[in-house]
Amino acid sequence: MDHRVEGGCAYTIESSCNDDFAAVVFKAVVERGKFIRIHKYLSYHYSDNPDEKQIRSQTAWTLSRAMESGFARILDRQRSDAGDFWNRADVQVQGGHPRIQ
């Protein structure tokens, strides 16, 4: 997990992590007319191979690519991939009314 922070105000970040809990706390005083925007990036991998080092390496690489790409490119890619999936997964009803299709 990583974050990209935007906005016109100062902020601090505190984080903690142990075996079964993680927290990231952002603190800011936001003046009227200013904003703070937090983009959270999260990467997840799974494998039948129990090599923790390999999974951590893959996860870190994916997270790094996501941070470099930015949210807009990730969203565009997701929309494209979902559209491609539904174009391939279409069910055709023979002899049915076009509305049923």
PDB file of N, CA and C in Angstrom:
ATOM      1  N   MET A   1       0.844  -1.160   0.000  1.00  0.00           N
ATOM      2  CA  MET A   1       0.000   0.000   0.000  1.00  0.00           C
ATOM      3  C   MET A   1       0.895   1.231   0.000  1.00  0.00           C
ATOM      4  N   ASP A   2       0.467   2.231  -0.765  1.00  0.00           N
ATOM      5  CA  ASP A   2       1.158   3.514  -0.781  1.00  0.00           C
ATOM      6  C   ASP A   2       0.136   4.598  -1.098  1.00  0.00           C
ATOM      7  N   HIS A   3       0.540   5.845  -0.956  1.00  0.00           N
ATOM      8  CA  HIS A   3      -0.382   6.957  -1.131  1.00  0.00           C
ATOM      9  C   HIS A   3       0.277   8.082  -1.906  1.00  0.00           C
ATOM     10  N   ARG A   4      -0.525   8.803  -2.631  1.00  0.00           N
ATOM     11  CA  ARG A   4      -0.106  10.056  -3.254  1.00  0.00           C
ATOM     12  C   ARG A   4      -1.052  11.126  -2.725  1.00  0.00           C
ATOM     13  N   VAL A   5      -0.481  12.199  -2.193  1.00  0.00           N
ATOM     14  CA  VAL A   5      -1.274  13.248  -1.557  1.00  0.00           C
ATOM     15  C   VAL A   5      -1.167  14.520  -2.383  1.00  0.00           C
ATOM     16  N   GLU A   6      -2.316  15.145  -2.642  1.00  0.00           N
ATOM     17  CA  GLU A   6      -2.375  16.415  -3.365  1.00  0.00           C
ATOM     18  C   GLU A   6      -3.121  17.417  -2.504  1.00  0.00           C
ATOM     19  N   GLY A   7      -2.841  18.671  -2.717  1.00  0.00           N
ATOM     20  CA  GLY A   7      -3.614  19.697  -2.037  1.00  0.00           C
ATOM     21  C   GLY A   7      -2.769  20.894  -1.666  1.00  0.00           C
ATOM     22  N   GLY A   8      -3.452  21.906  -1.202  1.00  0.00           N
ATOM     23  CA  GLY A   8      -2.796  23.151  -0.892  1.00  0.00           C
ATOM     24  C   GLY A   8      -2.585  23.366   0.590  1.00  0.00           C
ATOM     25  N   CYS A   9      -2.290  22.299   1.336  1.00  0.00           N
ATOM     26  CA  CYS A   9      -2.061  22.478   2.761  1.00  0.00           C
ATOM     27  C   CYS A   9      -0.995  21.496   3.240  1.00  0.00           C
ATOM     28  N   ALA A  10      -0.382  21.833   4.355  1.00  0.00           N
ATOM     29  CA  ALA A  10       0.620  20.947   4.944  1.00  0.00           C
ATOM     30  C   ALA A  10      -0.074  19.769   5.625  1.00  0.00           C
ATOM     31  N   TYR A  11       0.606  18.647   5.695  1.00  0.00           N
ATOM     32  CA  TYR A  11       0.045  17.461   6.330  1.00  0.00           C
ATOM     33  C   TYR A  11       1.171  16.616   6.907  1.00  0.00           C
ATOM     34  N   THR A  12       0.804  15.724   7.802  1.00  0.00           N
ATOM     35  CA  THR A  12       1.746  14.740   8.331  1.00  0.00           C
ATOM     36  C   THR A  12       1.146  13.362   8.140  1.00  0.00           C
ATOM     37  N   ILE A  13       2.021  12.377   8.124  1.00  0.00           N
ATOM     38  CA  ILE A  13       1.588  10.986   7.978  1.00  0.00           C
ATOM     39  C   ILE A  13       2.227  10.175   9.096  1.00  0.00           C
ATOM     40  N   GLU A  14       1.414   9.381   9.763  1.00  0.00           N
ATOM     41  CA  GLU A  14       1.897   8.443  10.769  1.00  0.00           C
ATOM     42  C   GLU A  14       1.446   7.048  10.347  1.00  0.00           C
ATOM     43  N   SER A  15       2.347   6.081  10.425  1.00  0.00           N
ATOM     44  CA  SER A  15       1.957   4.720  10.052  1.00  0.00           C
ATOM     45  C   SER A  15       2.474   3.725  11.084  1.00  0.00           C
ATOM     46  N   SER A  16       1.746   2.621  11.198  1.00  0.00           N
ATOM     47  CA  SER A  16       2.159   1.527  12.068  1.00  0.00           C
ATOM     48  C   SER A  16       1.701   0.227  11.434  1.00  0.00           C
ATOM     49  N   CYS A  17       2.429  -0.824  11.717  1.00  0.00           N
ATOM     50  CA  CYS A  17       2.104  -2.125  11.123  1.00  0.00           C
ATOM     51  C   CYS A  17       2.653  -3.226  12.018  1.00  0.00           C
ATOM     52  N   ASN A  18       1.855  -4.272  12.214  1.00  0.00           N
ATOM     53  CA  ASN A  18       2.341  -5.482  12.870  1.00  0.00           C
ATOM     54  C   ASN A  18       1.729  -6.676  12.153  1.00  0.00           C
ATOM     55  N   ASP A  19       1.752  -7.836  12.755  1.00  0.00           N
ATOM     56  CA  ASP A  19       1.319  -9.054  12.062  1.00  0.00           C
ATOM     57  C   ASP A  19      -0.122  -9.035  11.578  1.00  0.00           C
ATOM     58  N   ASP A  20      -1.019  -8.392  12.313  1.00  0.00           N
ATOM     59  CA  ASP A  20      -2.424  -8.444  11.908  1.00  0.00           C
ATOM     60  C   ASP A  20      -3.117  -7.084  11.914  1.00  0.00           C
ATOM     61  N   PHE A  21      -2.339  -6.001  11.878  1.00  0.00           N
ATOM     62  CA  PHE A  21      -2.942  -4.671  11.874  1.00  0.00           C
ATOM     63  C   PHE A  21      -2.001  -3.686  11.199  1.00  0.00           C
ATOM     64  N   ALA A  22      -2.588  -2.820  10.388  1.00  0.00           N
ATOM     65  CA  ALA A  22      -1.812  -1.743   9.781  1.00  0.00           C
ATOM     66  C   ALA A  22      -2.672  -0.490   9.764  1.00  0.00           C
ATOM     67  N   ALA A  23      -2.041   0.654   9.970  1.00  0.00           N
ATOM     68  CA  ALA A  23      -2.771   1.911   9.951  1.00  0.00           C
ATOM     69  C   ALA A  23      -1.889   3.007   9.370  1.00  0.00           C
ATOM     70  N   VAL A  24      -2.510   3.863   8.597  1.00  0.00           N
ATOM     71  CA  VAL A  24      -1.860   5.062   8.089  1.00  0.00           C
ATOM     72  C   VAL A  24      -2.794   6.216   8.444  1.00  0.00           C
ATOM     73  N   VAL A  25      -2.279   7.197   9.172  1.00  0.00           N
ATOM     74  CA  VAL A  25      -3.085   8.319   9.620  1.00  0.00           C
ATOM     75  C   VAL A  25      -2.529   9.597   9.001  1.00  0.00           C
ATOM     76  N   PHE A  26      -3.403  10.325   8.309  1.00  0.00           N
ATOM     77  CA  PHE A  26      -3.043  11.612   7.717  1.00  0.00           C
ATOM     78  C   PHE A  26      -3.641  12.697   8.603  1.00  0.00           C
ATOM     79  N   LYS A  27      -2.835  13.693   8.934  1.00  0.00           N
ATOM     80  CA  LYS A  27      -3.319  14.820   9.723  1.00  0.00           C
ATOM     81  C   LYS A  27      -3.053  16.095   8.952  1.00  0.00           C
ATOM     82  N   ALA A  28      -4.092  16.945   8.849  1.00  0.00           N
ATOM     83  CA  ALA A  28      -3.950  18.208   8.128  1.00  0.00           C
ATOM     84  C   ALA A  28      -4.928  19.224   8.680  1.00  0.00           C
ATOM     85  N   VAL A  29      -4.528  20.456   8.620  1.00  0.00           N
ATOM     86  CA  VAL A  29      -5.438  21.556   8.893  1.00  0.00           C
ATOM     87  C   VAL A  29      -5.728  22.179   7.539  1.00  0.00           C
ATOM     88  N   VAL A  30      -6.954  22.029   7.097  1.00  0.00           N
ATOM     89  CA  VAL A  30      -7.327  22.474   5.758  1.00  0.00           C
ATOM     90  C   VAL A  30      -8.057  23.806   5.870  1.00  0.00           C
ATOM     91  N   GLU A  31      -7.470  24.814   5.279  1.00  0.00           N
ATOM     92  CA  GLU A  31      -8.072  26.143   5.316  1.00  0.00           C
ATOM     93  C   GLU A  31      -9.236  26.218   4.334  1.00  0.00           C
ATOM     94  N   ARG A  32     -10.146  27.126   4.609  1.00  0.00           N
ATOM     95  CA  ARG A  32     -11.289  27.339   3.731  1.00  0.00           C
ATOM     96  C   ARG A  32     -10.784  27.600   2.305  1.00  0.00           C
ATOM     97  N   GLY A  33     -11.385  26.920   1.344  1.00  0.00           N
ATOM     98  CA  GLY A  33     -11.011  27.091  -0.052  1.00  0.00           C
ATOM     99  C   GLY A  33      -9.853  26.206  -0.493  1.00  0.00           C
ATOM    100  N   LYS A  34      -9.215  25.504   0.428  1.00  0.00           N
ATOM    101  CA  LYS A  34      -8.116  24.579   0.103  1.00  0.00           C
ATOM    102  C   LYS A  34      -8.659  23.151   0.194  1.00  0.00           C
ATOM    103  N   PHE A  35      -7.855  22.201  -0.235  1.00  0.00           N
ATOM    104  CA  PHE A  35      -8.297  20.806  -0.182  1.00  0.00           C
ATOM    105  C   PHE A  35      -7.100  19.899   0.057  1.00  0.00           C
ATOM    106  N   ILE A  36      -7.408  18.670   0.416  1.00  0.00           N
ATOM    107  CA  ILE A  36      -6.412  17.608   0.447  1.00  0.00           C
ATOM    108  C   ILE A  36      -7.057  16.388  -0.221  1.00  0.00           C
ATOM    109  N   ARG A  37      -6.346  15.788  -1.127  1.00  0.00           N
ATOM    110  CA  ARG A  37      -6.852  14.604  -1.840  1.00  0.00           C
ATOM    111  C   ARG A  37      -5.826  13.492  -1.645  1.00  0.00           C
ATOM    112  N   ILE A  38      -6.307  12.356  -1.191  1.00  0.00           N
ATOM    113  CA  ILE A  38      -5.432  11.222  -0.931  1.00  0.00           C
ATOM    114  C   ILE A  38      -5.790  10.106  -1.908  1.00  0.00           C
ATOM    115  N   HIS A  39      -4.818   9.707  -2.706  1.00  0.00           N
ATOM    116  CA  HIS A  39      -4.984   8.570  -3.615  1.00  0.00           C
ATOM    117  C   HIS A  39      -4.303   7.379  -2.951  1.00  0.00           C
ATOM    118  N   LYS A  40      -5.072   6.341  -2.677  1.00  0.00           N
ATOM    119  CA  LYS A  40      -4.532   5.132  -2.054  1.00  0.00           C
ATOM    120  C   LYS A  40      -4.306   4.088  -3.148  1.00  0.00           C
ATOM    121  N   TYR A  41      -3.121   3.559  -3.183  1.00  0.00           N
ATOM    122  CA  TYR A  41      -2.769   2.497  -4.122  1.00  0.00           C
ATOM    123  C   TYR A  41      -2.501   1.232  -3.320  1.00  0.00           C
ATOM    124  N   LEU A  42      -3.087   0.132  -3.776  1.00  0.00           N
ATOM    125  CA  LEU A  42      -2.955  -1.127  -3.074  1.00  0.00           C
ATOM    126  C   LEU A  42      -2.691  -2.230  -4.087  1.00  0.00           C
ATOM    127  N   SER A  43      -1.742  -3.068  -3.790  1.00  0.00           N
ATOM    128  CA  SER A  43      -1.401  -4.175  -4.672  1.00  0.00           C
ATOM    129  C   SER A  43      -1.609  -5.485  -3.925  1.00  0.00           C
ATOM    130  N   TYR A  44      -2.058  -6.495  -4.660  1.00  0.00           N
ATOM    131  CA  TYR A  44      -2.339  -7.791  -4.055  1.00  0.00           C
ATOM    132  C   TYR A  44      -1.947  -8.878  -5.043  1.00  0.00           C
ATOM    133  N   HIS A  45      -1.270  -9.894  -4.573  1.00  0.00           N
ATOM    134  CA  HIS A  45      -0.927 -11.057  -5.392  1.00  0.00           C
ATOM    135  C   HIS A  45      -1.214 -12.311  -4.581  1.00  0.00           C
ATOM    136  N   TYR A  46      -1.434 -13.384  -5.289  1.00  0.00           N
ATOM    137  CA  TYR A  46      -1.584 -14.677  -4.637  1.00  0.00           C
ATOM    138  C   TYR A  46      -0.862 -15.700  -5.498  1.00  0.00           C
ATOM    139  N   SER A  47      -0.521 -16.829  -4.892  1.00  0.00           N
ATOM    140  CA  SER A  47       0.205 -17.854  -5.624  1.00  0.00           C
ATOM    141  C   SER A  47       0.060 -19.184  -4.903  1.00  0.00           C
ATOM    142  N   ASP A  48       0.141 -20.256  -5.658  1.00  0.00           N
ATOM    143  CA  ASP A  48       0.206 -21.592  -5.066  1.00  0.00           C
ATOM    144  C   ASP A  48       1.593 -21.857  -4.497  1.00  0.00           C
ATOM    145  N   ASN A  49       2.559 -21.060  -4.945  1.00  0.00           N
ATOM    146  CA  ASN A  49       3.932 -21.180  -4.472  1.00  0.00           C
ATOM    147  C   ASN A  49       4.059 -20.409  -3.160  1.00  0.00           C
ATOM    148  N   PRO A  50       4.458 -21.079  -2.077  1.00  0.00           N
ATOM    149  CA  PRO A  50       4.499 -20.398  -0.776  1.00  0.00           C
ATOM    150  C   PRO A  50       5.738 -19.526  -0.555  1.00  0.00           C
ATOM    151  N   ASP A  51       6.459 -19.160  -1.608  1.00  0.00           N
ATOM    152  CA  ASP A  51       7.654 -18.334  -1.472  1.00  0.00           C
ATOM    153  C   ASP A  51       7.265 -16.886  -1.172  1.00  0.00           C
ATOM    154  N   GLU A  52       7.308 -16.504   0.097  1.00  0.00           N
ATOM    155  CA  GLU A  52       6.891 -15.166   0.514  1.00  0.00           C
ATOM    156  C   GLU A  52       7.722 -14.073  -0.143  1.00  0.00           C
ATOM    157  N   LYS A  53       8.997 -14.316  -0.320  1.00  0.00           N
ATOM    158  CA  LYS A  53       9.876 -13.312  -0.929  1.00  0.00           C
ATOM    159  C   LYS A  53       9.441 -13.010  -2.368  1.00  0.00           C
ATOM    160  N   GLN A  54       9.086 -14.039  -3.113  1.00  0.00           N
ATOM    161  CA  GLN A  54       8.640 -13.856  -4.493  1.00  0.00           C
ATOM    162  C   GLN A  54       7.324 -13.079  -4.545  1.00  0.00           C
ATOM    163  N   ILE A  55       6.380 -13.426  -3.685  1.00  0.00           N
ATOM    164  CA  ILE A  55       5.092 -12.730  -3.673  1.00  0.00           C
ATOM    165  C   ILE A  55       5.283 -11.271  -3.274  1.00  0.00           C
ATOM    166  N   ARG A  56       6.117 -11.010  -2.266  1.00  0.00           N
ATOM    167  CA  ARG A  56       6.384  -9.620  -1.870  1.00  0.00           C
ATOM    168  C   ARG A  56       7.022  -8.840  -3.003  1.00  0.00           C
ATOM    169  N   SER A  57       7.933  -9.465  -3.725  1.00  0.00           N
ATOM    170  CA  SER A  57       8.597  -8.802  -4.851  1.00  0.00           C
ATOM    171  C   SER A  57       7.595  -8.460  -5.955  1.00  0.00           C
ATOM    172  N   GLN A  58       6.716  -9.398  -6.296  1.00  0.00           N
ATOM    173  CA  GLN A  58       5.697  -9.145  -7.316  1.00  0.00           C
ATOM    174  C   GLN A  58       4.750  -8.040  -6.879  1.00  0.00           C
ATOM    175  N   THR A  59       4.368  -8.067  -5.613  1.00  0.00           N
ATOM    176  CA  THR A  59       3.449  -7.063  -5.088  1.00  0.00           C
ATOM    177  C   THR A  59       4.090  -5.679  -5.123  1.00  0.00           C
ATOM    178  N   ALA A  60       5.341  -5.580  -4.722  1.00  0.00           N
ATOM    179  CA  ALA A  60       6.048  -4.294  -4.738  1.00  0.00           C
ATOM    180  C   ALA A  60       6.186  -3.778  -6.166  1.00  0.00           C
ATOM    181  N   TRP A  61       6.471  -4.658  -7.123  1.00  0.00           N
ATOM    182  CA  TRP A  61       6.620  -4.251  -8.526  1.00  0.00           C
ATOM    183  C   TRP A  61       5.290  -3.721  -9.064  1.00  0.00           C
ATOM    184  N   THR A  62       4.191  -4.422  -8.769  1.00  0.00           N
ATOM    185  CA  THR A  62       2.872  -3.983  -9.215  1.00  0.00           C
ATOM    186  C   THR A  62       2.519  -2.629  -8.607  1.00  0.00           C
ATOM    187  N   LEU A  63       2.792  -2.463  -7.331  1.00  0.00           N
ATOM    188  CA  LEU A  63       2.506  -1.195  -6.657  1.00  0.00           C
ATOM    189  C   LEU A  63       3.320  -0.056  -7.263  1.00  0.00           C
ATOM    190  N   SER A  64       4.571  -0.308  -7.541  1.00  0.00           N
ATOM    191  CA  SER A  64       5.423   0.710  -8.154  1.00  0.00           C
ATOM    192  C   SER A  64       4.882   1.123  -9.521  1.00  0.00           C
ATOM    193  N   ARG A  65       4.477   0.164 -10.328  1.00  0.00           N
ATOM    194  CA  ARG A  65       3.906   0.476 -11.650  1.00  0.00           C
ATOM    195  C   ARG A  65       2.623   1.277 -11.513  1.00  0.00           C
ATOM    196  N   ALA A  66       1.796   0.940 -10.544  1.00  0.00           N
ATOM    197  CA  ALA A  66       0.545   1.671 -10.334  1.00  0.00           C
ATOM    198  C   ALA A  66       0.831   3.118  -9.954  1.00  0.00           C
ATOM    199  N   MET A  67       1.770   3.327  -9.058  1.00  0.00           N
ATOM    200  CA  MET A  67       2.120   4.681  -8.638  1.00  0.00           C
ATOM    201  C   MET A  67       2.667   5.496  -9.812  1.00  0.00           C
ATOM    202  N   GLU A  68       3.463   4.874 -10.657  1.00  0.00           N
ATOM    203  CA  GLU A  68       4.012   5.562 -11.830  1.00  0.00           C
ATOM    204  C   GLU A  68       2.918   5.894 -12.841  1.00  0.00           C
ATOM    205  N   SER A  69       1.969   4.995 -13.006  1.00  0.00           N
ATOM    206  CA  SER A  69       0.905   5.188 -13.993  1.00  0.00           C
ATOM    207  C   SER A  69      -0.080   6.266 -13.561  1.00  0.00           C
ATOM    208  N   GLY A  70      -0.442   6.267 -12.298  1.00  0.00           N
ATOM    209  CA  GLY A  70      -1.439   7.201 -11.792  1.00  0.00           C
ATOM    210  C   GLY A  70      -2.844   6.642 -11.938  1.00  0.00           C
ATOM    211  N   PHE A  71      -3.752   7.238 -11.179  1.00  0.00           N
ATOM    212  CA  PHE A  71      -5.112   6.710 -11.089  1.00  0.00           C
ATOM    213  C   PHE A  71      -5.857   6.772 -12.420  1.00  0.00           C
ATOM    214  N   ALA A  72      -5.719   7.869 -13.162  1.00  0.00           N
ATOM    215  CA  ALA A  72      -6.474   8.024 -14.417  1.00  0.00           C
ATOM    216  C   ALA A  72      -6.137   6.906 -15.400  1.00  0.00           C
ATOM    217  N   ARG A  73      -4.867   6.564 -15.532  1.00  0.00           N
ATOM    218  CA  ARG A  73      -4.487   5.480 -16.460  1.00  0.00           C
ATOM    219  C   ARG A  73      -4.980   4.129 -15.966  1.00  0.00           C
ATOM    220  N   ILE A  74      -4.934   3.915 -14.658  1.00  0.00           N
ATOM    221  CA  ILE A  74      -5.433   2.650 -14.106  1.00  0.00           C
ATOM    222  C   ILE A  74      -6.933   2.528 -14.370  1.00  0.00           C
ATOM    223  N   LEU A  75      -7.677   3.612 -14.158  1.00  0.00           N
ATOM    224  CA  LEU A  75      -9.117   3.605 -14.399  1.00  0.00           C
ATOM    225  C   LEU A  75      -9.429   3.355 -15.876  1.00  0.00           C
ATOM    226  N   ASP A  76      -8.707   4.002 -16.777  1.00  0.00           N
ATOM    227  CA  ASP A  76      -8.900   3.771 -18.216  1.00  0.00           C
ATOM    228  C   ASP A  76      -8.651   2.311 -18.570  1.00  0.00           C
ATOM    229  N   ARG A  77      -7.604   1.736 -18.019  1.00  0.00           N
ATOM    230  CA  ARG A  77      -7.270   0.333 -18.302  1.00  0.00           C
ATOM    231  C   ARG A  77      -8.352  -0.599 -17.762  1.00  0.00           C
ATOM    232  N   GLN A  78      -8.841  -0.314 -16.560  1.00  0.00           N
ATOM    233  CA  GLN A  78      -9.898  -1.138 -15.974  1.00  0.00           C
ATOM    234  C   GLN A  78     -11.162  -1.088 -16.825  1.00  0.00           C
ATOM    235  N   ARG A  79     -11.534   0.108 -17.261  1.00  0.00           N
ATOM    236  CA  ARG A  79     -12.726   0.239 -18.110  1.00  0.00           C
ATOM    237  C   ARG A  79     -12.552  -0.534 -19.409  1.00  0.00           C
ATOM    238  N   SER A  80     -11.378  -0.442 -20.008  1.00  0.00           N
ATOM    239  CA  SER A  80     -11.102  -1.154 -21.254  1.00  0.00           C
ATOM    240  C   SER A  80     -11.147  -2.664 -21.033  1.00  0.00           C
ATOM    241  N   ASP A  81     -10.491  -3.136 -19.979  1.00  0.00           N
ATOM    242  CA  ASP A  81     -10.475  -4.579 -19.687  1.00  0.00           C
ATOM    243  C   ASP A  81     -11.878  -5.101 -19.395  1.00  0.00           C
ATOM    244  N   ALA A  82     -12.672  -4.349 -18.637  1.00  0.00           N
ATOM    245  CA  ALA A  82     -14.045  -4.781 -18.336  1.00  0.00           C
ATOM    246  C   ALA A  82     -14.885  -4.795 -19.609  1.00  0.00           C
ATOM    247  N   GLY A  83     -14.718  -3.783 -20.467  1.00  0.00           N
ATOM    248  CA  GLY A  83     -15.441  -3.754 -21.734  1.00  0.00           C
ATOM    249  C   GLY A  83     -15.083  -4.933 -22.621  1.00  0.00           C
ATOM    250  N   ASP A  84     -13.779  -5.245 -22.703  1.00  0.00           N
ATOM    251  CA  ASP A  84     -13.339  -6.406 -23.485  1.00  0.00           C
ATOM    252  C   ASP A  84     -13.934  -7.695 -22.933  1.00  0.00           C
ATOM    253  N   PHE A  85     -13.952  -7.831 -21.611  1.00  0.00           N
ATOM    254  CA  PHE A  85     -14.521  -9.028 -20.995  1.00  0.00           C
ATOM    255  C   PHE A  85     -15.980  -9.202 -21.389  1.00  0.00           C
ATOM    256  N   TRP A  86     -16.780  -8.127 -21.244  1.00  0.00           N
ATOM    257  CA  TRP A  86     -18.203  -8.249 -21.541  1.00  0.00           C
ATOM    258  C   TRP A  86     -18.464  -8.430 -23.029  1.00  0.00           C
ATOM    259  N   ASN A  87     -17.595  -7.927 -23.889  1.00  0.00           N
ATOM    260  CA  ASN A  87     -17.739  -8.178 -25.332  1.00  0.00           C
ATOM    261  C   ASN A  87     -17.508  -9.652 -25.644  1.00  0.00           C
ATOM    262  N   ARG A  88     -16.588 -10.287 -24.932  1.00  0.00           N
ATOM    263  CA  ARG A  88     -16.316 -11.714 -25.151  1.00  0.00           C
ATOM    264  C   ARG A  88     -17.335 -12.597 -24.447  1.00  0.00           C
ATOM    265  N   ALA A  89     -17.960 -12.112 -23.378  1.00  0.00           N
ATOM    266  CA  ALA A  89     -18.823 -12.934 -22.535  1.00  0.00           C
ATOM    267  C   ALA A  89     -20.300 -12.802 -22.885  1.00  0.00           C
ATOM    268  N   ASP A  90     -20.614 -12.142 -23.964  1.00  0.00           N
ATOM    269  CA  ASP A  90     -22.011 -11.893 -24.308  1.00  0.00           C
ATOM    270  C   ASP A  90     -22.754 -13.207 -24.534  1.00  0.00           C
ATOM    271  N   VAL A  91     -23.961 -13.272 -24.053  1.00  0.00           N
ATOM    272  CA  VAL A  91     -24.847 -14.419 -24.241  1.00  0.00           C
ATOM    273  C   VAL A  91     -25.860 -14.032 -25.313  1.00  0.00           C
ATOM    274  N   GLN A  92     -26.045 -14.896 -26.295  1.00  0.00           N
ATOM    275  CA  GLN A  92     -27.008 -14.617 -27.348  1.00  0.00           C
ATOM    276  C   GLN A  92     -28.223 -15.531 -27.176  1.00  0.00           C
ATOM    277  N   VAL A  93     -29.396 -14.921 -27.216  1.00  0.00           N
ATOM    278  CA  VAL A  93     -30.643 -15.655 -27.087  1.00  0.00           C
ATOM    279  C   VAL A  93     -31.225 -15.804 -28.492  1.00  0.00           C
ATOM    280  N   GLN A  94     -31.266 -17.014 -29.002  1.00  0.00           N
ATOM    281  CA  GLN A  94     -31.750 -17.234 -30.357  1.00  0.00           C
ATOM    282  C   GLN A  94     -33.272 -17.160 -30.392  1.00  0.00           C
ATOM    283  N   GLY A  95     -33.760 -16.445 -31.381  1.00  0.00           N
ATOM    284  CA  GLY A  95     -35.194 -16.347 -31.584  1.00  0.00           C
ATOM    285  C   GLY A  95     -35.898 -15.465 -30.568  1.00  0.00           C
ATOM    286  N   GLY A  96     -35.142 -14.829 -29.724  1.00  0.00           N
ATOM    287  CA  GLY A  96     -35.748 -13.990 -28.694  1.00  0.00           C
ATOM    288  C   GLY A  96     -35.920 -12.563 -29.187  1.00  0.00           C
ATOM    289  N   HIS A  97     -36.692 -11.826 -28.490  1.00  0.00           N
ATOM    290  CA  HIS A  97     -36.913 -10.435 -28.779  1.00  0.00           C
ATOM    291  C   HIS A  97     -35.603  -9.657 -28.516  1.00  0.00           C
ATOM    292  N   PRO A  98     -35.273  -8.667 -29.368  1.00  0.00           N
ATOM    293  CA  PRO A  98     -34.027  -7.908 -29.169  1.00  0.00           C
ATOM    294  C   PRO A  98     -33.886  -7.323 -27.751  1.00  0.00           C
ATOM    295  N   ARG A  99     -34.986  -6.973 -27.133  1.00  0.00           N
ATOM    296  CA  ARG A  99     -34.906  -6.428 -25.773  1.00  0.00           C
ATOM    297  C   ARG A  99     -34.421  -7.458 -24.770  1.00  0.00           C
ATOM    298  N   ILE A 100     -34.784  -8.709 -24.993  1.00  0.00           N
ATOM    299  CA  ILE A 100     -34.320  -9.786 -24.094  1.00  0.00           C
ATOM    300  C   ILE A 100     -32.812  -9.949 -24.228  1.00  0.00           C
ATOM    301  N   GLN A 101     -32.309  -9.794 -25.450  1.00  0.00           N
ATOM    302  CA  GLN A 101     -30.881  -9.932 -25.683  1.00  0.00           C
ATOM    303  C   GLN A 101     -30.118  -8.928 -24.838  1.00  0.00           C
TER     304      GLN A 101
END
